[in-house]
Amino acid sequence: MPQVLKIWRERDTRAISLRMYLLLVSATGLWTWFGWVIESTPVIVTNTICFALQSSILGLKLQSLLQQPEVS
């Protein structure tokens, strides 16, 4: 949560690895799906919260990459 707040405030995602967050969001999504399969509320709730926070960071990272001016 502290990392999410820092990124939201500063809008600086240079220190964030795109590949790492793509992998992290994918893994958390799979854990959430697994929670649904085994019908485990703690697994579903925990991973849904993590998925939302990680997805917001990933979205900010992608947004910052799209807004960077092209260097020639």
C-alpha atoms as a PDB file:
ATOM      1  CA  MET A   1       0.000   0.000   0.000  1.00  0.00           C
ATOM      2  CA  PRO A   2       2.784   2.532   0.709  1.00  0.00           C
ATOM      3  CA  GLN A   3       4.206   1.971  -2.766  1.00  0.00           C
ATOM      4  CA  VAL A   4       0.807   2.560  -4.379  1.00  0.00           C
ATOM      5  CA  LEU A   5       0.328   5.817  -2.460  1.00  0.00           C
ATOM      6  CA  LYS A   6       3.824   7.034  -3.361  1.00  0.00           C
ATOM      7  CA  ILE A   7       3.302   6.330  -7.057  1.00  0.00           C
ATOM      8  CA  TRP A   8      -0.164   7.934  -7.066  1.00  0.00           C
ATOM      9  CA  ARG A   9       1.199  11.081  -5.404  1.00  0.00           C
ATOM     10  CA  GLU A  10       4.395  11.459  -7.422  1.00  0.00           C
ATOM     11  CA  ARG A  11       3.267   9.894 -10.720  1.00  0.00           C
ATOM     12  CA  ASP A  12       6.793   8.512 -11.056  1.00  0.00           C
ATOM     13  CA  THR A  13       7.024   4.894 -12.203  1.00  0.00           C
ATOM     14  CA  ARG A  14      10.608   4.852 -13.496  1.00  0.00           C
ATOM     15  CA  ALA A  15      11.711   2.519 -10.677  1.00  0.00           C
ATOM     16  CA  ILE A  16       8.946   0.001 -11.486  1.00  0.00           C
ATOM     17  CA  SER A  17       9.709  -2.943 -13.766  1.00  0.00           C
ATOM     18  CA  LEU A  18       6.988  -3.464 -16.382  1.00  0.00           C
ATOM     19  CA  ARG A  19       7.806  -7.166 -16.774  1.00  0.00           C
ATOM     20  CA  MET A  20       7.727  -7.749 -13.039  1.00  0.00           C
ATOM     21  CA  TYR A  21       4.321  -6.107 -12.656  1.00  0.00           C
ATOM     22  CA  LEU A  22       2.901  -7.973 -15.668  1.00  0.00           C
ATOM     23  CA  LEU A  23       4.014 -11.217 -14.041  1.00  0.00           C
ATOM     24  CA  LEU A  24       2.795 -10.179 -10.585  1.00  0.00           C
ATOM     25  CA  VAL A  25      -0.684  -9.148 -11.820  1.00  0.00           C
ATOM     26  CA  SER A  26      -0.979 -12.370 -13.839  1.00  0.00           C
ATOM     27  CA  ALA A  27       0.038 -14.533 -10.877  1.00  0.00           C
ATOM     28  CA  THR A  28      -2.348 -12.751  -8.516  1.00  0.00           C
ATOM     29  CA  GLY A  29      -5.154 -13.134 -11.043  1.00  0.00           C
ATOM     30  CA  LEU A  30      -4.483 -16.858 -11.189  1.00  0.00           C
ATOM     31  CA  TRP A  31      -4.500 -17.094  -7.376  1.00  0.00           C
ATOM     32  CA  THR A  32      -7.843 -15.282  -7.327  1.00  0.00           C
ATOM     33  CA  TRP A  33      -9.229 -17.733  -9.882  1.00  0.00           C
ATOM     34  CA  PHE A  34      -7.853 -20.620  -7.802  1.00  0.00           C
ATOM     35  CA  GLY A  35      -9.653 -19.194  -4.768  1.00  0.00           C
ATOM     36  CA  TRP A  36     -12.935 -19.310  -6.708  1.00  0.00           C
ATOM     37  CA  VAL A  37     -12.241 -22.904  -7.772  1.00  0.00           C
ATOM     38  CA  ILE A  38     -11.623 -24.092  -4.206  1.00  0.00           C
ATOM     39  CA  GLU A  39     -14.312 -21.741  -2.836  1.00  0.00           C
ATOM     40  CA  SER A  40     -11.971 -20.142  -0.302  1.00  0.00           C
ATOM     41  CA  THR A  41     -13.155 -16.706   0.774  1.00  0.00           C
ATOM     42  CA  PRO A  42      -9.837 -15.661   2.418  1.00  0.00           C
ATOM     43  CA  VAL A  43      -7.891 -16.511  -0.752  1.00  0.00           C
ATOM     44  CA  ILE A  44     -10.406 -14.666  -2.941  1.00  0.00           C
ATOM     45  CA  VAL A  45     -10.598 -11.528  -0.794  1.00  0.00           C
ATOM     46  CA  THR A  46      -6.869 -11.196  -0.173  1.00  0.00           C
ATOM     47  CA  ASN A  47      -5.882 -11.736  -3.774  1.00  0.00           C
ATOM     48  CA  THR A  48      -8.648  -9.491  -5.121  1.00  0.00           C
ATOM     49  CA  ILE A  49      -7.334  -6.614  -2.999  1.00  0.00           C
ATOM     50  CA  CYS A  50      -3.750  -7.300  -4.094  1.00  0.00           C
ATOM     51  CA  PHE A  51      -4.869  -7.610  -7.725  1.00  0.00           C
ATOM     52  CA  ALA A  52      -6.586  -4.216  -7.593  1.00  0.00           C
ATOM     53  CA  LEU A  53      -3.552  -2.481  -6.068  1.00  0.00           C
ATOM     54  CA  GLN A  54      -1.094  -4.149  -8.442  1.00  0.00           C
ATOM     55  CA  SER A  55      -3.298  -3.421 -11.447  1.00  0.00           C
ATOM     56  CA  SER A  56      -3.442   0.257 -10.533  1.00  0.00           C
ATOM     57  CA  ILE A  57       0.358   0.428 -10.420  1.00  0.00           C
ATOM     58  CA  LEU A  58       0.575  -1.441 -13.730  1.00  0.00           C
ATOM     59  CA  GLY A  59      -1.941   0.979 -15.258  1.00  0.00           C
ATOM     60  CA  LEU A  60       0.084   3.981 -14.084  1.00  0.00           C
ATOM     61  CA  LYS A  61       3.261   2.391 -15.485  1.00  0.00           C
ATOM     62  CA  LEU A  62       1.635   1.791 -18.863  1.00  0.00           C
ATOM     63  CA  GLN A  63       0.185   5.302 -18.860  1.00  0.00           C
ATOM     64  CA  SER A  64       3.614   6.818 -18.176  1.00  0.00           C
ATOM     65  CA  LEU A  65       5.160   4.747 -20.980  1.00  0.00           C
ATOM     66  CA  LEU A  66       2.521   5.949 -23.448  1.00  0.00           C
ATOM     67  CA  GLN A  67       3.027   9.587 -22.474  1.00  0.00           C
ATOM     68  CA  GLN A  68       6.821   9.613 -22.919  1.00  0.00           C
ATOM     69  CA  PRO A  69       7.935  11.682 -25.909  1.00  0.00           C
ATOM     70  CA  GLU A  70       9.711   9.772 -28.640  1.00  0.00           C
ATOM     71  CA  VAL A  71      13.465  10.322 -28.823  1.00  0.00           C
ATOM     72  CA  SER A  72      14.966  10.597 -32.310  1.00  0.00           C
END
